[in-house]
Amino acid sequence: MDELYKSKFVDIPNIIADWAGSLADRDILDFGCGDGTIALGIALHHNPHRITGIDTHDVMNLVLPQARQQIGRDQLPDNLKLVRVVEDASLEALGTFDLIYSWSVFEHVRQDLITGCFAKMRRALRTGGLMFLQTTPLYYSSEGSHMKPWVPQPWAHLMMQHDLFRYAFRAAANERADELQSVYETLNRQTASQLLSAARDAGFDIIREYRTKDAVEPPAELLEIYNEDIVTTNQLVFLARPSSQS
């Protein structure tokens, strides 16, 4: 099992369980499941009653080819279901849940849909349910463009002229240029504080929060324009529950 697969299949499910408590016998929704590996890890290692993964892309079709290669598994467990949805889909048809989690997804959610996404998640939670969210890298952080493999300069997307930055990553990305340009151009600009505010506006109480910072120092010319905390905060993790007043 390679390290990236292990991270998604073993480590991240354990982190979610550490934050949200035992996942055994719970009904769980993975909001933005990607290739489905995290959901598969939870289904196999944490014994939920059911786990449903949703995403707007068909990358979830990779779950079995990857599982076959990495762990020798040829079929999904009975307690796991993966569903492709449209961007603004309702969650009502999926039922209700004890836990909804999202891992490295919300930096990709369209900015005007963020509060609505949180509101949908709140409505899909049962009494006593929890929402767990992790998102990184936040847009204004040193790797916030998601283009570090192609343009390694920290904060290049904030410091380079836009057309020159686009040319740099397209030239390095070659055949993936169009795909990566779409990824970059659809990143939202939400800060950690704005995401927390959006969750509160949607009817959540934040019960635990954690942020991490970039290890590199921002250049002085960047700090002439941007707030230091905003450009150095690269990750937000939080646990929330529906407000009793919502």
C-alpha atoms as a PDB file:
ATOM      1  CA  MET A   1       0.000   0.000   0.000  1.00  0.00           C
ATOM      2  CA  ASP A   2       1.557   3.301  -1.042  1.00  0.00           C
ATOM      3  CA  GLU A   3       1.716   6.243   1.357  1.00  0.00           C
ATOM      4  CA  LEU A   4      -0.936   8.399  -0.353  1.00  0.00           C
ATOM      5  CA  TYR A   5      -3.417   5.530  -0.393  1.00  0.00           C
ATOM      6  CA  LYS A   6      -2.642   4.675   3.251  1.00  0.00           C
ATOM      7  CA  SER A   7      -3.265   8.294   4.220  1.00  0.00           C
ATOM      8  CA  LYS A   8      -6.757   8.240   2.721  1.00  0.00           C
ATOM      9  CA  PHE A   9      -7.627   4.633   3.556  1.00  0.00           C
ATOM     10  CA  VAL A  10      -6.305   4.489   7.137  1.00  0.00           C
ATOM     11  CA  ASP A  11      -5.046   7.779   8.546  1.00  0.00           C
ATOM     12  CA  ILE A  12      -7.845  10.177   7.572  1.00  0.00           C
ATOM     13  CA  PRO A  13     -10.645   7.832   8.716  1.00  0.00           C
ATOM     14  CA  ASN A  14      -8.851   7.589  12.059  1.00  0.00           C
ATOM     15  CA  ILE A  15      -8.642  11.388  12.322  1.00  0.00           C
ATOM     16  CA  ILE A  16     -12.369  11.718  11.619  1.00  0.00           C
ATOM     17  CA  ALA A  17     -13.132   9.102  14.280  1.00  0.00           C
ATOM     18  CA  ASP A  18     -10.851  10.909  16.744  1.00  0.00           C
ATOM     19  CA  TRP A  19     -12.804  14.134  16.247  1.00  0.00           C
ATOM     20  CA  ALA A  20     -16.332  12.753  15.913  1.00  0.00           C
ATOM     21  CA  GLY A  21     -16.181   9.737  18.228  1.00  0.00           C
ATOM     22  CA  SER A  22     -16.830   6.117  17.383  1.00  0.00           C
ATOM     23  CA  LEU A  23     -18.237   5.663  13.879  1.00  0.00           C
ATOM     24  CA  ALA A  24     -19.628   2.184  14.580  1.00  0.00           C
ATOM     25  CA  ASP A  25     -23.319   1.709  13.727  1.00  0.00           C
ATOM     26  CA  ARG A  26     -23.687   5.322  12.581  1.00  0.00           C
ATOM     27  CA  ASP A  27     -25.170   6.598   9.340  1.00  0.00           C
ATOM     28  CA  ILE A  28     -22.523   8.771   7.673  1.00  0.00           C
ATOM     29  CA  LEU A  29     -22.361  11.064   4.637  1.00  0.00           C
ATOM     30  CA  ASP A  30     -19.070  11.854   2.883  1.00  0.00           C
ATOM     31  CA  PHE A  31     -19.707  15.266   1.262  1.00  0.00           C
ATOM     32  CA  GLY A  32     -17.351  15.407  -1.727  1.00  0.00           C
ATOM     33  CA  CYS A  33     -16.018  11.864  -1.588  1.00  0.00           C
ATOM     34  CA  GLY A  34     -13.573  12.174  -4.495  1.00  0.00           C
ATOM     35  CA  ASP A  35     -12.222   8.746  -5.402  1.00  0.00           C
ATOM     36  CA  GLY A  36     -14.086   7.182  -2.464  1.00  0.00           C
ATOM     37  CA  THR A  37     -11.026   5.858  -0.645  1.00  0.00           C
ATOM     38  CA  ILE A  38     -11.745   7.648   2.650  1.00  0.00           C
ATOM     39  CA  ALA A  39     -15.316   6.359   2.638  1.00  0.00           C
ATOM     40  CA  LEU A  40     -14.083   2.841   1.830  1.00  0.00           C
ATOM     41  CA  GLY A  41     -11.617   3.018   4.719  1.00  0.00           C
ATOM     42  CA  ILE A  42     -14.381   4.038   7.122  1.00  0.00           C
ATOM     43  CA  ALA A  43     -16.712   1.326   5.805  1.00  0.00           C
ATOM     44  CA  LEU A  44     -14.112  -1.413   6.263  1.00  0.00           C
ATOM     45  CA  HIS A  45     -12.330  -0.279   9.444  1.00  0.00           C
ATOM     46  CA  HIS A  46     -14.946   1.583  11.508  1.00  0.00           C
ATOM     47  CA  ASN A  47     -18.111  -0.475  10.996  1.00  0.00           C
ATOM     48  CA  PRO A  48     -20.705   2.229  10.304  1.00  0.00           C
ATOM     49  CA  HIS A  49     -24.281   1.132   9.684  1.00  0.00           C
ATOM     50  CA  ARG A  50     -24.011   2.824   6.281  1.00  0.00           C
ATOM     51  CA  ILE A  51     -21.819   5.397   4.601  1.00  0.00           C
ATOM     52  CA  THR A  52     -22.881   7.325   1.504  1.00  0.00           C
ATOM     53  CA  GLY A  53     -20.309   9.215  -0.543  1.00  0.00           C
ATOM     54  CA  ILE A  54     -21.396  11.944  -2.950  1.00  0.00           C
ATOM     55  CA  ASP A  55     -19.447  13.961  -5.516  1.00  0.00           C
ATOM     56  CA  THR A  56     -20.067  15.992  -8.649  1.00  0.00           C
ATOM     57  CA  HIS A  57     -17.328  14.184 -10.590  1.00  0.00           C
ATOM     58  CA  ASP A  58     -17.014  10.589 -11.779  1.00  0.00           C
ATOM     59  CA  VAL A  59     -13.604  10.191 -10.113  1.00  0.00           C
ATOM     60  CA  MET A  60     -15.435   7.893  -7.670  1.00  0.00           C
ATOM     61  CA  ASN A  61     -15.231   5.261 -10.413  1.00  0.00           C
ATOM     62  CA  LEU A  62     -11.570   4.869  -9.438  1.00  0.00           C
ATOM     63  CA  VAL A  63     -12.427   3.419  -6.035  1.00  0.00           C
ATOM     64  CA  LEU A  64     -12.440  -0.231  -7.101  1.00  0.00           C
ATOM     65  CA  PRO A  65      -9.473  -0.147  -9.517  1.00  0.00           C
ATOM     66  CA  GLN A  66      -7.408   1.522  -6.796  1.00  0.00           C
ATOM     67  CA  ALA A  67      -8.669  -0.845  -4.098  1.00  0.00           C
ATOM     68  CA  ARG A  68      -7.866  -3.814  -6.323  1.00  0.00           C
ATOM     69  CA  GLN A  69      -4.318  -2.564  -6.833  1.00  0.00           C
ATOM     70  CA  GLN A  70      -3.666  -1.442  -3.264  1.00  0.00           C
ATOM     71  CA  ILE A  71      -5.537  -3.912  -1.051  1.00  0.00           C
ATOM     72  CA  GLY A  72      -6.726  -6.677  -3.402  1.00  0.00           C
ATOM     73  CA  ARG A  73     -10.429  -5.868  -3.070  1.00  0.00           C
ATOM     74  CA  ASP A  74     -12.801  -6.268  -6.027  1.00  0.00           C
ATOM     75  CA  GLN A  75     -16.138  -5.018  -4.686  1.00  0.00           C
ATOM     76  CA  LEU A  76     -17.581  -2.381  -2.385  1.00  0.00           C
ATOM     77  CA  PRO A  77     -18.754  -3.478   1.061  1.00  0.00           C
ATOM     78  CA  ASP A  78     -22.529  -3.628   1.566  1.00  0.00           C
ATOM     79  CA  ASN A  79     -22.508  -0.613   3.901  1.00  0.00           C
ATOM     80  CA  LEU A  80     -20.948   1.749   1.311  1.00  0.00           C
ATOM     81  CA  LYS A  81     -22.718   3.544  -1.542  1.00  0.00           C
ATOM     82  CA  LEU A  82     -21.226   6.163  -3.868  1.00  0.00           C
ATOM     83  CA  VAL A  83     -23.552   8.578  -5.702  1.00  0.00           C
ATOM     84  CA  ARG A  84     -22.772  11.197  -8.343  1.00  0.00           C
ATOM     85  CA  VAL A  85     -24.786  14.404  -7.868  1.00  0.00           C
ATOM     86  CA  VAL A  86     -25.118  17.805  -9.521  1.00  0.00           C
ATOM     87  CA  GLU A  87     -23.484  20.815  -7.876  1.00  0.00           C
ATOM     88  CA  ASP A  88     -26.578  22.227  -6.150  1.00  0.00           C
ATOM     89  CA  ALA A  89     -28.322  18.887  -5.483  1.00  0.00           C
ATOM     90  CA  SER A  90     -30.581  18.449  -2.487  1.00  0.00           C
ATOM     91  CA  LEU A  91     -29.535  15.855   0.090  1.00  0.00           C
ATOM     92  CA  GLU A  92     -33.100  14.861   1.002  1.00  0.00           C
ATOM     93  CA  ALA A  93     -33.240  11.773  -1.235  1.00  0.00           C
ATOM     94  CA  LEU A  94     -30.214  10.321   0.595  1.00  0.00           C
ATOM     95  CA  GLY A  95     -31.929  10.222   3.984  1.00  0.00           C
ATOM     96  CA  THR A  96     -30.619  11.605   7.269  1.00  0.00           C
ATOM     97  CA  PHE A  97     -27.316  11.058   9.010  1.00  0.00           C
ATOM     98  CA  ASP A  98     -25.572  10.953  12.373  1.00  0.00           C
ATOM     99  CA  LEU A  99     -22.366  12.428  10.894  1.00  0.00           C
ATOM    100  CA  ILE A 100     -21.554  14.400   7.771  1.00  0.00           C
ATOM    101  CA  TYR A 101     -17.887  14.969   6.978  1.00  0.00           C
ATOM    102  CA  SER A 102     -15.961  16.709   4.223  1.00  0.00           C
ATOM    103  CA  TRP A 103     -12.198  16.391   3.618  1.00  0.00           C
ATOM    104  CA  SER A 104     -10.277  18.870   1.403  1.00  0.00           C
ATOM    105  CA  VAL A 105     -13.400  19.802  -0.527  1.00  0.00           C
ATOM    106  CA  PHE A 106     -14.694  23.193   0.552  1.00  0.00           C
ATOM    107  CA  GLU A 107     -11.946  25.216  -1.136  1.00  0.00           C
ATOM    108  CA  HIS A 108     -13.544  23.933  -4.367  1.00  0.00           C
ATOM    109  CA  VAL A 109     -17.169  24.731  -3.484  1.00  0.00           C
ATOM    110  CA  ARG A 110     -18.560  27.621  -5.508  1.00  0.00           C
ATOM    111  CA  GLN A 111     -18.395  30.659  -3.264  1.00  0.00           C
ATOM    112  CA  ASP A 112     -22.065  31.628  -3.549  1.00  0.00           C
ATOM    113  CA  LEU A 113     -23.125  28.066  -2.636  1.00  0.00           C
ATOM    114  CA  ILE A 114     -21.093  27.664   0.565  1.00  0.00           C
ATOM    115  CA  THR A 115     -23.670  28.819   3.110  1.00  0.00           C
ATOM    116  CA  GLY A 116     -26.342  26.869   1.252  1.00  0.00           C
ATOM    117  CA  CYS A 117     -24.181  23.729   1.375  1.00  0.00           C
ATOM    118  CA  PHE A 118     -23.840  24.068   5.118  1.00  0.00           C
ATOM    119  CA  ALA A 119     -27.600  24.608   5.422  1.00  0.00           C
ATOM    120  CA  LYS A 120     -28.280  21.427   3.421  1.00  0.00           C
ATOM    121  CA  MET A 121     -25.885  19.498   5.622  1.00  0.00           C
ATOM    122  CA  ARG A 122     -27.591  20.803   8.765  1.00  0.00           C
ATOM    123  CA  ARG A 123     -31.025  19.737   7.480  1.00  0.00           C
ATOM    124  CA  ALA A 124     -29.659  16.262   6.702  1.00  0.00           C
ATOM    125  CA  LEU A 125     -28.389  15.718  10.251  1.00  0.00           C
ATOM    126  CA  ARG A 126     -30.447  13.899  12.846  1.00  0.00           C
ATOM    127  CA  THR A 127     -30.903  15.208  16.354  1.00  0.00           C
ATOM    128  CA  GLY A 128     -27.504  15.002  18.040  1.00  0.00           C
ATOM    129  CA  GLY A 129     -25.720  14.747  14.688  1.00  0.00           C
ATOM    130  CA  LEU A 130     -22.326  16.272  13.919  1.00  0.00           C
ATOM    131  CA  MET A 131     -20.572  17.888  10.972  1.00  0.00           C
ATOM    132  CA  PHE A 132     -16.791  17.527  10.579  1.00  0.00           C
ATOM    133  CA  LEU A 133     -14.953  19.640   8.022  1.00  0.00           C
ATOM    134  CA  GLN A 134     -11.317  19.842   6.950  1.00  0.00           C
ATOM    135  CA  THR A 135     -10.130  22.037   4.091  1.00  0.00           C
ATOM    136  CA  THR A 136      -6.648  22.830   2.795  1.00  0.00           C
ATOM    137  CA  PRO A 137      -4.891  24.647   1.223  1.00  0.00           C
ATOM    138  CA  LEU A 138      -6.906  27.803   1.760  1.00  0.00           C
ATOM    139  CA  TYR A 139      -6.661  30.144  -1.217  1.00  0.00           C
ATOM    140  CA  TYR A 140      -4.494  32.891   0.274  1.00  0.00           C
ATOM    141  CA  SER A 141      -1.929  30.487   1.760  1.00  0.00           C
ATOM    142  CA  SER A 142       1.408  29.771   0.117  1.00  0.00           C
ATOM    143  CA  GLU A 143       0.102  26.745  -1.827  1.00  0.00           C
ATOM    144  CA  GLY A 144      -3.459  28.016  -2.172  1.00  0.00           C
ATOM    145  CA  SER A 145      -3.427  27.942  -5.958  1.00  0.00           C
ATOM    146  CA  HIS A 146      -3.155  24.101  -5.911  1.00  0.00           C
ATOM    147  CA  MET A 147      -0.466  24.576  -8.580  1.00  0.00           C
ATOM    148  CA  LYS A 148       2.679  23.995  -6.505  1.00  0.00           C
ATOM    149  CA  PRO A 149       3.841  20.949  -8.558  1.00  0.00           C
ATOM    150  CA  TRP A 150       3.927  23.185 -11.644  1.00  0.00           C
ATOM    151  CA  VAL A 151       4.736  26.614 -10.151  1.00  0.00           C
ATOM    152  CA  PRO A 152       6.647  25.952  -6.899  1.00  0.00           C
ATOM    153  CA  GLN A 153       7.165  29.584  -5.808  1.00  0.00           C
ATOM    154  CA  PRO A 154       5.160  30.186  -2.591  1.00  0.00           C
ATOM    155  CA  TRP A 155       2.241  32.593  -3.064  1.00  0.00           C
ATOM    156  CA  ALA A 156       2.954  32.792  -6.809  1.00  0.00           C
ATOM    157  CA  HIS A 157      -0.773  33.182  -7.522  1.00  0.00           C
ATOM    158  CA  LEU A 158      -0.889  36.301  -5.343  1.00  0.00           C
ATOM    159  CA  MET A 159       2.398  37.844  -6.445  1.00  0.00           C
ATOM    160  CA  MET A 160       2.657  37.113 -10.173  1.00  0.00           C
ATOM    161  CA  GLN A 161       0.690  38.962 -12.818  1.00  0.00           C
ATOM    162  CA  HIS A 162      -2.307  36.730 -13.504  1.00  0.00           C
ATOM    163  CA  ASP A 163      -1.647  35.994 -17.163  1.00  0.00           C
ATOM    164  CA  LEU A 164       2.010  35.184 -16.430  1.00  0.00           C
ATOM    165  CA  PHE A 165       1.026  32.816 -13.630  1.00  0.00           C
ATOM    166  CA  ARG A 166      -1.493  31.090 -15.892  1.00  0.00           C
ATOM    167  CA  TYR A 167       1.116  30.768 -18.632  1.00  0.00           C
ATOM    168  CA  ALA A 168       3.624  29.280 -16.167  1.00  0.00           C
ATOM    169  CA  PHE A 169       1.410  26.471 -14.904  1.00  0.00           C
ATOM    170  CA  ARG A 170      -0.056  25.736 -18.336  1.00  0.00           C
ATOM    171  CA  ALA A 171       3.422  25.433 -19.836  1.00  0.00           C
ATOM    172  CA  ALA A 172       4.493  23.057 -17.054  1.00  0.00           C
ATOM    173  CA  ALA A 173       1.273  21.015 -17.025  1.00  0.00           C
ATOM    174  CA  ASN A 174       1.286  20.128 -20.741  1.00  0.00           C
ATOM    175  CA  GLU A 175      -1.640  17.804 -21.502  1.00  0.00           C
ATOM    176  CA  ARG A 176      -3.312  18.536 -18.138  1.00  0.00           C
ATOM    177  CA  ALA A 177      -3.285  22.282 -18.732  1.00  0.00           C
ATOM    178  CA  ASP A 178      -7.020  22.728 -19.394  1.00  0.00           C
ATOM    179  CA  GLU A 179      -8.015  20.555 -16.438  1.00  0.00           C
ATOM    180  CA  LEU A 180      -5.700  22.402 -14.063  1.00  0.00           C
ATOM    181  CA  GLN A 181      -6.752  25.818 -15.292  1.00  0.00           C
ATOM    182  CA  SER A 182     -10.347  24.874 -14.473  1.00  0.00           C
ATOM    183  CA  VAL A 183      -9.293  23.730 -10.992  1.00  0.00           C
ATOM    184  CA  TYR A 184      -7.448  26.983 -10.350  1.00  0.00           C
ATOM    185  CA  GLU A 185     -10.088  29.315 -11.746  1.00  0.00           C
ATOM    186  CA  THR A 186     -12.898  27.730  -9.737  1.00  0.00           C
ATOM    187  CA  LEU A 187     -11.196  27.912  -6.333  1.00  0.00           C
ATOM    188  CA  ASN A 188     -13.140  30.078  -3.915  1.00  0.00           C
ATOM    189  CA  ARG A 189     -11.517  32.866  -1.910  1.00  0.00           C
ATOM    190  CA  GLN A 190     -12.921  32.006   1.516  1.00  0.00           C
ATOM    191  CA  THR A 191     -10.737  32.454   4.582  1.00  0.00           C
ATOM    192  CA  ALA A 192     -10.931  30.237   7.671  1.00  0.00           C
ATOM    193  CA  SER A 193     -12.932  32.872   9.547  1.00  0.00           C
ATOM    194  CA  GLN A 194     -15.346  33.301   6.637  1.00  0.00           C
ATOM    195  CA  LEU A 195     -15.985  29.556   6.452  1.00  0.00           C
ATOM    196  CA  LEU A 196     -16.721  29.423  10.159  1.00  0.00           C
ATOM    197  CA  SER A 197     -19.067  32.405   9.816  1.00  0.00           C
ATOM    198  CA  ALA A 198     -20.862  30.700   6.931  1.00  0.00           C
ATOM    199  CA  ALA A 199     -21.359  27.567   9.042  1.00  0.00           C
ATOM    200  CA  ARG A 200     -22.779  29.663  11.878  1.00  0.00           C
ATOM    201  CA  ASP A 201     -25.045  31.533   9.464  1.00  0.00           C
ATOM    202  CA  ALA A 202     -26.349  28.154   8.275  1.00  0.00           C
ATOM    203  CA  GLY A 203     -27.320  27.185  11.809  1.00  0.00           C
ATOM    204  CA  PHE A 204     -24.279  25.451  13.274  1.00  0.00           C
ATOM    205  CA  ASP A 205     -22.484  25.892  16.568  1.00  0.00           C
ATOM    206  CA  ILE A 206     -18.710  25.355  16.337  1.00  0.00           C
ATOM    207  CA  ILE A 207     -17.648  23.018  19.136  1.00  0.00           C
ATOM    208  CA  ARG A 208     -13.987  22.413  18.216  1.00  0.00           C
ATOM    209  CA  GLU A 209     -11.612  24.199  15.849  1.00  0.00           C
ATOM    210  CA  TYR A 210      -8.022  23.756  14.660  1.00  0.00           C
ATOM    211  CA  ARG A 211      -5.904  25.737  12.182  1.00  0.00           C
ATOM    212  CA  THR A 212      -2.415  25.220  10.813  1.00  0.00           C
ATOM    213  CA  LYS A 213       0.072  27.732   9.441  1.00  0.00           C
ATOM    214  CA  ASP A 214       2.552  27.727   6.572  1.00  0.00           C
ATOM    215  CA  ALA A 215       6.115  26.899   7.559  1.00  0.00           C
ATOM    216  CA  VAL A 216       7.577  29.494   5.168  1.00  0.00           C
ATOM    217  CA  GLU A 217       7.690  33.185   5.962  1.00  0.00           C
ATOM    218  CA  PRO A 218       5.664  35.427   3.646  1.00  0.00           C
ATOM    219  CA  PRO A 219       7.721  38.012   1.764  1.00  0.00           C
ATOM    220  CA  ALA A 220       7.514  41.600   2.958  1.00  0.00           C
ATOM    221  CA  GLU A 221       5.987  42.812  -0.315  1.00  0.00           C
ATOM    222  CA  LEU A 222       3.081  40.395   0.157  1.00  0.00           C
ATOM    223  CA  LEU A 223       2.421  41.705   3.656  1.00  0.00           C
ATOM    224  CA  GLU A 224       2.178  45.229   2.277  1.00  0.00           C
ATOM    225  CA  ILE A 225      -1.079  44.078   0.670  1.00  0.00           C
ATOM    226  CA  TYR A 226      -2.450  41.124   2.675  1.00  0.00           C
ATOM    227  CA  ASN A 227      -3.094  40.372   6.340  1.00  0.00           C
ATOM    228  CA  GLU A 228      -0.389  38.057   7.695  1.00  0.00           C
ATOM    229  CA  ASP A 229      -2.782  35.663   9.424  1.00  0.00           C
ATOM    230  CA  ILE A 230      -4.801  35.212   6.235  1.00  0.00           C
ATOM    231  CA  VAL A 231      -1.803  34.446   4.014  1.00  0.00           C
ATOM    232  CA  THR A 232      -0.200  32.035   6.498  1.00  0.00           C
ATOM    233  CA  THR A 233      -3.280  30.023   7.568  1.00  0.00           C
ATOM    234  CA  ASN A 234      -3.307  27.020   5.254  1.00  0.00           C
ATOM    235  CA  GLN A 235      -5.746  24.603   6.905  1.00  0.00           C
ATOM    236  CA  LEU A 236      -9.018  24.754   8.811  1.00  0.00           C
ATOM    237  CA  VAL A 237     -10.507  21.804  10.683  1.00  0.00           C
ATOM    238  CA  PHE A 238     -13.667  22.086  12.744  1.00  0.00           C
ATOM    239  CA  LEU A 239     -16.456  20.084  14.341  1.00  0.00           C
ATOM    240  CA  ALA A 240     -19.951  21.540  14.553  1.00  0.00           C
ATOM    241  CA  ARG A 241     -23.471  20.630  15.613  1.00  0.00           C
ATOM    242  CA  PRO A 242     -26.813  22.163  14.691  1.00  0.00           C
ATOM    243  CA  SER A 243     -27.665  25.112  16.895  1.00  0.00           C
ATOM    244  CA  SER A 244     -30.529  24.530  19.298  1.00  0.00           C
ATOM    245  CA  GLN A 245     -31.922  27.861  18.133  1.00  0.00           C
ATOM    246  CA  SER A 246     -31.819  27.090  14.376  1.00  0.00           C
END
